[in-house]
């Protein structure tokens, strides 16, 4: 059974052999972030698959935010590059929930908590987060909860 980190290393080797600059640089940066995470703290340690996944999620989020920032600044080439890197990283993330699936989970949590109004957002978030896990970004979840509580 290969770990996520080993998979990244194998994919990096394959990307370098294929002269795929985008994939190799994206994976190399992600592996650097994994290594940085491993040596942070008091002692060096091997990250578990779920910890490596958290690093990949964080890296993917950085790409998304950078793409939005470049887009707003009118730098479309840089934005396109960041999006392409995000797509490379998306291959390592769990299958994302569709909007319909997310809305259904949020609706069930709102009904379960009996929450009404925006001040109940935290209570609903506590119920939704464990069910969603890494399959939807926090911003999407928050927007879905806001919409459900406003409706």
N, C-alpha and C. Protein backbone atom coordinates (compact mmCIF):
# COMPACT_ATOMS: atom_id res chain seq x y z
N UNK A 1 0.86 -1.20 0.00
CA UNK A 1 0.00 0.00 0.00
C UNK A 1 0.90 1.25 0.00
N UNK A 2 0.78 2.05 -1.04
CA UNK A 2 1.60 3.26 -1.08
C UNK A 2 0.91 4.38 -0.30
N UNK A 3 1.72 5.15 0.39
CA UNK A 3 1.18 6.29 1.11
C UNK A 3 0.99 7.44 0.11
N UNK A 4 0.27 8.45 0.53
CA UNK A 4 0.04 9.61 -0.33
C UNK A 4 1.37 10.30 -0.66
N UNK A 5 2.27 10.35 0.33
CA UNK A 5 3.57 10.98 0.10
C UNK A 5 4.37 10.20 -0.95
N UNK A 6 4.36 8.87 -0.86
CA UNK A 6 5.06 8.04 -1.85
C UNK A 6 4.45 8.24 -3.24
N UNK A 7 3.11 8.34 -3.28
CA UNK A 7 2.41 8.56 -4.55
C UNK A 7 2.85 9.89 -5.17
N UNK A 8 2.95 10.92 -4.34
CA UNK A 8 3.41 12.23 -4.82
C UNK A 8 4.84 12.12 -5.37
N UNK A 9 5.70 11.41 -4.65
CA UNK A 9 7.09 11.26 -5.09
C UNK A 9 7.18 10.50 -6.41
N UNK A 10 6.38 9.43 -6.55
CA UNK A 10 6.36 8.66 -7.80
C UNK A 10 5.84 9.51 -8.95
N UNK A 11 4.78 10.29 -8.68
CA UNK A 11 4.21 11.15 -9.72
C UNK A 11 5.19 12.25 -10.12
N UNK A 12 5.96 12.73 -9.15
CA UNK A 12 6.97 13.75 -9.45
C UNK A 12 8.02 13.17 -10.41
N UNK A 13 8.50 11.97 -10.11
CA UNK A 13 9.48 11.31 -10.97
C UNK A 13 8.91 11.14 -12.38
N UNK A 14 7.66 10.69 -12.47
CA UNK A 14 7.02 10.48 -13.78
C UNK A 14 6.88 11.81 -14.53
N UNK A 15 6.51 12.86 -13.82
CA UNK A 15 6.33 14.18 -14.44
C UNK A 15 7.66 14.73 -14.95
N UNK A 16 8.73 14.51 -14.19
CA UNK A 16 10.06 14.97 -14.62
C UNK A 16 10.48 14.20 -15.87
N UNK A 17 10.27 12.89 -15.86
CA UNK A 17 10.62 12.07 -17.04
C UNK A 17 9.84 12.51 -18.26
N UNK A 18 8.56 12.88 -18.05
CA UNK A 18 7.69 13.29 -19.16
C UNK A 18 7.93 14.75 -19.55
N UNK A 19 8.85 15.41 -18.85
CA UNK A 19 9.14 16.83 -19.06
C UNK A 19 7.88 17.69 -18.91
N UNK A 20 7.04 17.31 -17.95
CA UNK A 20 5.81 18.05 -17.67
C UNK A 20 6.13 19.07 -16.58
N UNK A 21 6.50 20.28 -17.01
CA UNK A 21 6.99 21.31 -16.10
C UNK A 21 5.93 21.70 -15.07
N UNK A 22 4.69 21.86 -15.51
CA UNK A 22 3.61 22.27 -14.60
C UNK A 22 3.42 21.24 -13.48
N UNK A 23 3.25 19.97 -13.85
CA UNK A 23 3.05 18.92 -12.84
C UNK A 23 4.26 18.79 -11.92
N UNK A 24 5.45 18.77 -12.51
CA UNK A 24 6.64 18.55 -11.68
C UNK A 24 6.84 19.71 -10.70
N UNK A 25 6.67 20.95 -11.14
CA UNK A 25 6.88 22.07 -10.21
C UNK A 25 5.79 22.11 -9.14
N UNK A 26 4.55 21.80 -9.51
CA UNK A 26 3.46 21.80 -8.53
C UNK A 26 3.68 20.73 -7.47
N UNK A 27 4.01 19.52 -7.92
CA UNK A 27 4.22 18.42 -6.98
C UNK A 27 5.45 18.68 -6.13
N UNK A 28 6.50 19.24 -6.74
CA UNK A 28 7.73 19.55 -5.99
C UNK A 28 7.41 20.55 -4.87
N UNK A 29 6.66 21.60 -5.17
CA UNK A 29 6.29 22.59 -4.15
C UNK A 29 5.46 21.94 -3.03
N UNK A 30 4.56 21.05 -3.41
CA UNK A 30 3.71 20.38 -2.42
C UNK A 30 4.55 19.47 -1.52
N UNK A 31 5.49 18.73 -2.13
CA UNK A 31 6.36 17.88 -1.32
C UNK A 31 7.25 18.72 -0.39
N UNK A 32 7.65 19.91 -0.85
CA UNK A 32 8.42 20.81 0.02
C UNK A 32 7.59 21.23 1.22
N UNK A 33 6.30 21.50 0.98
CA UNK A 33 5.40 21.88 2.08
C UNK A 33 5.24 20.71 3.05
N UNK A 34 5.17 19.50 2.52
CA UNK A 34 5.06 18.30 3.37
C UNK A 34 6.32 18.18 4.23
N UNK A 35 7.48 18.33 3.61
CA UNK A 35 8.75 18.25 4.34
C UNK A 35 8.84 19.33 5.41
N UNK A 36 8.43 20.54 5.06
CA UNK A 36 8.44 21.64 6.04
C UNK A 36 7.57 21.30 7.24
N UNK A 37 6.42 20.68 6.96
CA UNK A 37 5.50 20.27 8.04
C UNK A 37 6.15 19.19 8.90
N UNK A 38 6.90 18.27 8.26
CA UNK A 38 7.54 17.17 8.99
C UNK A 38 8.63 17.67 9.92
N UNK A 39 9.35 18.72 9.53
CA UNK A 39 10.46 19.20 10.37
C UNK A 39 10.04 20.33 11.30
N UNK A 40 8.80 20.81 11.15
CA UNK A 40 8.34 21.83 12.10
C UNK A 40 8.06 21.14 13.43
N UNK A 41 8.13 21.87 14.49
CA UNK A 41 7.92 21.24 15.79
C UNK A 41 9.26 20.83 16.39
N UNK A 42 9.19 20.09 17.47
CA UNK A 42 10.41 19.76 18.22
C UNK A 42 11.25 18.66 17.55
N UNK A 43 10.58 17.67 16.95
CA UNK A 43 11.37 16.60 16.33
C UNK A 43 10.80 16.26 14.95
N UNK A 44 11.69 15.80 14.08
CA UNK A 44 11.28 15.43 12.73
C UNK A 44 10.44 14.17 12.82
N UNK A 45 9.37 14.12 12.02
CA UNK A 45 8.53 12.94 12.04
C UNK A 45 7.92 12.71 10.66
N UNK A 46 7.46 11.52 10.44
CA UNK A 46 6.80 11.16 9.18
C UNK A 46 5.32 11.52 9.32
N UNK A 47 4.78 12.23 8.33
CA UNK A 47 3.36 12.60 8.39
C UNK A 47 2.49 11.42 7.98
N UNK A 48 1.32 11.31 8.61
CA UNK A 48 0.36 10.28 8.21
C UNK A 48 -0.31 10.72 6.91
N UNK A 49 -1.02 9.81 6.26
CA UNK A 49 -1.71 10.15 5.02
C UNK A 49 -2.69 11.31 5.23
N UNK A 50 -3.41 11.30 6.35
CA UNK A 50 -4.39 12.37 6.58
C UNK A 50 -3.69 13.71 6.78
N UNK A 51 -2.50 13.69 7.40
CA UNK A 51 -1.75 14.94 7.58
C UNK A 51 -1.20 15.43 6.24
N UNK A 52 -0.72 14.50 5.40
CA UNK A 52 -0.24 14.88 4.06
C UNK A 52 -1.41 15.45 3.26
N UNK A 53 -2.58 14.83 3.40
CA UNK A 53 -3.77 15.31 2.70
C UNK A 53 -4.10 16.75 3.12
N UNK A 54 -3.97 17.05 4.41
CA UNK A 54 -4.22 18.41 4.90
C UNK A 54 -3.28 19.41 4.23
N UNK A 55 -2.02 19.01 4.06
CA UNK A 55 -1.04 19.88 3.39
C UNK A 55 -1.47 20.10 1.94
N UNK A 56 -1.89 19.03 1.26
CA UNK A 56 -2.33 19.15 -0.14
C UNK A 56 -3.56 20.06 -0.23
N UNK A 57 -4.50 19.89 0.70
CA UNK A 57 -5.70 20.75 0.73
C UNK A 57 -5.29 22.21 0.90
N UNK A 58 -4.34 22.45 1.82
CA UNK A 58 -3.88 23.83 2.08
C UNK A 58 -3.20 24.41 0.83
N UNK A 59 -2.37 23.60 0.17
CA UNK A 59 -1.70 24.05 -1.05
C UNK A 59 -2.72 24.36 -2.15
N UNK A 60 -3.73 23.52 -2.29
CA UNK A 60 -4.76 23.73 -3.31
C UNK A 60 -5.53 25.02 -3.02
N UNK A 61 -5.80 25.27 -1.74
CA UNK A 61 -6.50 26.49 -1.36
C UNK A 61 -5.65 27.73 -1.69
N UNK A 62 -4.35 27.63 -1.45
CA UNK A 62 -3.44 28.74 -1.78
C UNK A 62 -3.53 29.05 -3.28
N UNK A 63 -3.53 27.99 -4.09
CA UNK A 63 -3.60 28.18 -5.55
C UNK A 63 -4.90 28.89 -5.95
N UNK A 64 -6.01 28.44 -5.33
CA UNK A 64 -7.31 29.04 -5.63
C UNK A 64 -7.34 30.52 -5.26
N UNK A 65 -6.84 30.82 -4.07
CA UNK A 65 -6.83 32.22 -3.61
C UNK A 65 -5.91 33.08 -4.47
N UNK A 66 -4.76 32.54 -4.85
CA UNK A 66 -3.82 33.27 -5.70
C UNK A 66 -4.45 33.52 -7.07
N UNK A 67 -5.15 32.52 -7.60
CA UNK A 67 -5.79 32.66 -8.91
C UNK A 67 -6.82 33.79 -8.86
N UNK A 68 -7.60 33.85 -7.77
CA UNK A 68 -8.60 34.92 -7.63
C UNK A 68 -7.93 36.28 -7.54
N UNK A 69 -6.84 36.35 -6.77
CA UNK A 69 -6.12 37.62 -6.63
C UNK A 69 -5.54 38.08 -7.96
N UNK A 70 -4.93 37.16 -8.72
CA UNK A 70 -4.38 37.51 -10.04
C UNK A 70 -5.49 37.94 -10.99
N UNK A 71 -6.62 37.24 -10.91
CA UNK A 71 -7.76 37.55 -11.77
C UNK A 71 -8.22 38.99 -11.52
N UNK A 72 -8.35 39.34 -10.25
CA UNK A 72 -8.80 40.68 -9.88
C UNK A 72 -7.79 41.75 -10.30
N UNK A 73 -6.53 41.37 -10.34
CA UNK A 73 -5.48 42.31 -10.73
C UNK A 73 -5.31 42.36 -12.25
N UNK A 74 -6.11 41.56 -12.95
CA UNK A 74 -6.04 41.56 -14.41
C UNK A 74 -4.87 40.76 -14.97
N UNK A 75 -4.27 39.93 -14.14
CA UNK A 75 -3.13 39.11 -14.61
C UNK A 75 -3.64 37.72 -14.95
N UNK A 76 -4.29 37.59 -16.10
CA UNK A 76 -4.96 36.36 -16.46
C UNK A 76 -4.00 35.19 -16.68
N UNK A 77 -2.79 35.45 -17.20
CA UNK A 77 -1.83 34.35 -17.40
C UNK A 77 -1.43 33.73 -16.08
N UNK A 78 -1.14 34.57 -15.10
CA UNK A 78 -0.76 34.07 -13.77
C UNK A 78 -1.93 33.34 -13.13
N UNK A 79 -3.14 33.87 -13.31
CA UNK A 79 -4.33 33.23 -12.75
C UNK A 79 -4.54 31.86 -13.38
N UNK A 80 -4.34 31.76 -14.70
CA UNK A 80 -4.50 30.49 -15.40
C UNK A 80 -3.48 29.47 -14.89
N UNK A 81 -2.26 29.91 -14.65
CA UNK A 81 -1.21 29.03 -14.14
C UNK A 81 -1.59 28.49 -12.75
N UNK A 82 -2.06 29.38 -11.88
CA UNK A 82 -2.47 28.96 -10.53
C UNK A 82 -3.62 27.96 -10.59
N UNK A 83 -4.58 28.20 -11.49
CA UNK A 83 -5.72 27.28 -11.65
C UNK A 83 -5.24 25.92 -12.14
N UNK A 84 -4.30 25.92 -13.10
CA UNK A 84 -3.77 24.67 -13.63
C UNK A 84 -3.06 23.89 -12.52
N UNK A 85 -2.31 24.60 -11.67
CA UNK A 85 -1.64 23.94 -10.54
C UNK A 85 -2.68 23.38 -9.58
N UNK A 86 -3.76 24.13 -9.37
CA UNK A 86 -4.85 23.67 -8.50
C UNK A 86 -5.48 22.39 -9.03
N UNK A 87 -5.60 22.29 -10.37
CA UNK A 87 -6.18 21.08 -10.97
C UNK A 87 -5.25 19.88 -10.78
N UNK A 88 -3.94 20.12 -10.84
CA UNK A 88 -2.98 19.03 -10.58
C UNK A 88 -3.19 18.52 -9.16
N UNK A 89 -3.31 19.44 -8.21
CA UNK A 89 -3.47 19.05 -6.80
C UNK A 89 -4.82 18.40 -6.54
N UNK A 90 -5.84 18.81 -7.28
CA UNK A 90 -7.19 18.26 -7.09
C UNK A 90 -7.22 16.75 -7.28
N UNK A 91 -6.28 16.23 -8.08
CA UNK A 91 -6.24 14.78 -8.32
C UNK A 91 -5.91 14.00 -7.05
N UNK A 92 -5.32 14.66 -6.06
CA UNK A 92 -4.93 13.99 -4.82
C UNK A 92 -5.97 14.19 -3.72
N UNK A 93 -6.97 15.03 -3.98
CA UNK A 93 -7.98 15.33 -2.97
C UNK A 93 -9.14 14.36 -3.07
N UNK A 94 -9.87 14.17 -1.97
CA UNK A 94 -11.06 13.31 -2.04
C UNK A 94 -12.08 13.91 -3.00
N UNK A 95 -12.94 13.07 -3.55
CA UNK A 95 -13.99 13.54 -4.45
C UNK A 95 -14.80 14.62 -3.75
N UNK A 96 -14.92 15.78 -4.38
CA UNK A 96 -15.65 16.89 -3.77
C UNK A 96 -17.16 16.65 -3.85
N UNK A 97 -17.88 17.15 -2.85
CA UNK A 97 -19.34 17.03 -2.85
C UNK A 97 -19.93 17.96 -3.91
N UNK A 98 -21.01 17.53 -4.53
CA UNK A 98 -21.70 18.41 -5.46
C UNK A 98 -22.48 19.43 -4.64
N UNK A 99 -22.94 20.51 -5.28
CA UNK A 99 -23.72 21.53 -4.57
C UNK A 99 -24.98 20.91 -3.97
N UNK A 100 -25.60 19.98 -4.72
CA UNK A 100 -26.83 19.34 -4.25
C UNK A 100 -26.57 18.52 -2.99
N UNK A 101 -25.48 17.73 -3.00
CA UNK A 101 -25.14 16.91 -1.84
C UNK A 101 -24.86 17.79 -0.62
N UNK A 102 -24.12 18.87 -0.84
CA UNK A 102 -23.77 19.78 0.26
C UNK A 102 -25.04 20.43 0.82
N UNK A 103 -25.92 20.88 -0.07
CA UNK A 103 -27.18 21.51 0.36
C UNK A 103 -28.01 20.54 1.19
N UNK A 104 -28.06 19.27 0.77
CA UNK A 104 -28.84 18.26 1.50
C UNK A 104 -28.26 18.03 2.90
N UNK A 105 -26.95 17.94 3.01
CA UNK A 105 -26.30 17.74 4.32
C UNK A 105 -26.59 18.93 5.23
N UNK A 106 -26.48 20.15 4.67
CA UNK A 106 -26.72 21.37 5.45
C UNK A 106 -28.18 21.43 5.89
N UNK A 107 -29.11 21.12 4.98
CA UNK A 107 -30.54 21.15 5.31
C UNK A 107 -30.85 20.18 6.45
N UNK A 108 -30.26 18.99 6.40
CA UNK A 108 -30.47 17.99 7.46
C UNK A 108 -29.93 18.50 8.80
N UNK A 109 -28.77 19.15 8.76
CA UNK A 109 -28.16 19.66 9.99
C UNK A 109 -28.98 20.81 10.57
N UNK A 110 -29.52 21.67 9.70
CA UNK A 110 -30.36 22.78 10.17
C UNK A 110 -31.61 22.21 10.84
N UNK A 111 -32.23 21.21 10.21
CA UNK A 111 -33.42 20.57 10.77
C UNK A 111 -33.09 19.89 12.11
N UNK A 112 -31.96 19.20 12.16
CA UNK A 112 -31.55 18.48 13.37
C UNK A 112 -31.31 19.43 14.54
N UNK A 113 -30.67 20.57 14.24
CA UNK A 113 -30.34 21.51 15.31
C UNK A 113 -31.51 22.43 15.65
N UNK A 114 -32.50 22.51 14.75
CA UNK A 114 -33.63 23.40 14.96
C UNK A 114 -33.20 24.86 14.91
N UNK A 115 -32.08 25.13 14.23
CA UNK A 115 -31.50 26.47 14.20
C UNK A 115 -32.29 27.39 13.28
N UNK A 116 -32.35 28.66 13.69
CA UNK A 116 -32.92 29.69 12.83
C UNK A 116 -32.08 30.95 12.99
N UNK A 117 -31.94 31.68 11.90
CA UNK A 117 -31.22 32.95 11.96
C UNK A 117 -29.72 32.77 11.89
N UNK A 118 -29.04 33.86 11.46
CA UNK A 118 -27.58 33.81 11.25
C UNK A 118 -26.77 33.50 12.51
N UNK A 119 -27.31 33.83 13.70
CA UNK A 119 -26.54 33.59 14.92
C UNK A 119 -26.38 32.09 15.21
N UNK A 120 -27.17 31.25 14.55
CA UNK A 120 -27.09 29.80 14.79
C UNK A 120 -26.05 29.13 13.88
N UNK A 121 -25.31 29.91 13.12
CA UNK A 121 -24.38 29.37 12.15
C UNK A 121 -23.35 28.41 12.77
N UNK A 122 -22.79 28.78 13.91
CA UNK A 122 -21.78 27.96 14.57
C UNK A 122 -22.32 26.59 14.96
N UNK A 123 -23.55 26.56 15.47
CA UNK A 123 -24.16 25.29 15.88
C UNK A 123 -24.35 24.36 14.68
N UNK A 124 -24.79 24.94 13.57
CA UNK A 124 -25.00 24.14 12.36
C UNK A 124 -23.65 23.68 11.81
N UNK A 125 -22.65 24.56 11.82
CA UNK A 125 -21.32 24.22 11.32
C UNK A 125 -20.75 23.03 12.08
N UNK A 126 -20.96 22.97 13.41
CA UNK A 126 -20.47 21.86 14.22
C UNK A 126 -21.06 20.52 13.76
N UNK A 127 -22.31 20.54 13.32
CA UNK A 127 -22.95 19.31 12.85
C UNK A 127 -22.50 18.94 11.44
N UNK A 128 -22.31 19.96 10.59
CA UNK A 128 -22.00 19.72 9.18
C UNK A 128 -20.55 19.29 8.98
N UNK A 129 -19.62 19.93 9.67
CA UNK A 129 -18.18 19.70 9.44
C UNK A 129 -17.78 18.22 9.47
N UNK A 130 -18.18 17.43 10.51
CA UNK A 130 -17.76 16.02 10.53
C UNK A 130 -18.34 15.22 9.36
N UNK A 131 -19.55 15.56 8.92
CA UNK A 131 -20.18 14.83 7.82
C UNK A 131 -19.52 15.14 6.48
N UNK A 132 -19.02 16.37 6.35
CA UNK A 132 -18.44 16.82 5.09
C UNK A 132 -16.96 16.47 5.01
N UNK A 133 -16.22 16.66 6.10
CA UNK A 133 -14.79 16.37 6.12
C UNK A 133 -14.04 17.21 5.11
N UNK A 134 -13.17 16.56 4.31
CA UNK A 134 -12.37 17.26 3.30
C UNK A 134 -13.05 17.31 1.95
N UNK A 135 -14.32 16.91 1.91
CA UNK A 135 -14.99 16.82 0.61
C UNK A 135 -15.63 18.12 0.16
N UNK A 136 -15.51 19.17 0.99
CA UNK A 136 -15.98 20.50 0.59
C UNK A 136 -15.18 21.52 1.38
N UNK A 137 -14.82 22.62 0.73
CA UNK A 137 -14.03 23.66 1.36
C UNK A 137 -14.89 24.43 2.36
N UNK A 138 -14.25 24.91 3.42
CA UNK A 138 -14.95 25.64 4.47
C UNK A 138 -15.80 26.80 3.95
N UNK A 139 -15.29 27.53 2.98
CA UNK A 139 -16.04 28.67 2.42
C UNK A 139 -17.34 28.24 1.76
N UNK A 140 -17.28 27.13 1.04
CA UNK A 140 -18.50 26.59 0.40
C UNK A 140 -19.51 26.15 1.45
N UNK A 141 -19.01 25.49 2.50
CA UNK A 141 -19.88 25.02 3.58
C UNK A 141 -20.56 26.20 4.26
N UNK A 142 -19.76 27.23 4.58
CA UNK A 142 -20.30 28.42 5.25
C UNK A 142 -21.36 29.10 4.38
N UNK A 143 -21.10 29.22 3.09
CA UNK A 143 -22.06 29.84 2.18
C UNK A 143 -23.37 29.05 2.14
N UNK A 144 -23.25 27.72 2.11
CA UNK A 144 -24.44 26.86 2.07
C UNK A 144 -25.25 27.00 3.37
N UNK A 145 -24.56 27.09 4.50
CA UNK A 145 -25.25 27.24 5.78
C UNK A 145 -25.95 28.60 5.84
N UNK A 146 -25.23 29.66 5.41
CA UNK A 146 -25.84 31.00 5.39
C UNK A 146 -27.11 31.00 4.56
N UNK A 147 -27.03 30.39 3.38
CA UNK A 147 -28.19 30.34 2.48
C UNK A 147 -29.35 29.59 3.13
N UNK A 148 -29.05 28.47 3.80
CA UNK A 148 -30.10 27.67 4.44
C UNK A 148 -30.73 28.43 5.60
N UNK A 149 -29.93 29.14 6.38
CA UNK A 149 -30.48 29.88 7.53
C UNK A 149 -31.23 31.13 7.10
N UNK A 150 -30.83 31.71 5.98
CA UNK A 150 -31.51 32.92 5.49
C UNK A 150 -32.86 32.56 4.88
N UNK A 151 -32.93 31.35 4.27
CA UNK A 151 -34.15 30.91 3.59
C UNK A 151 -35.16 30.50 4.56
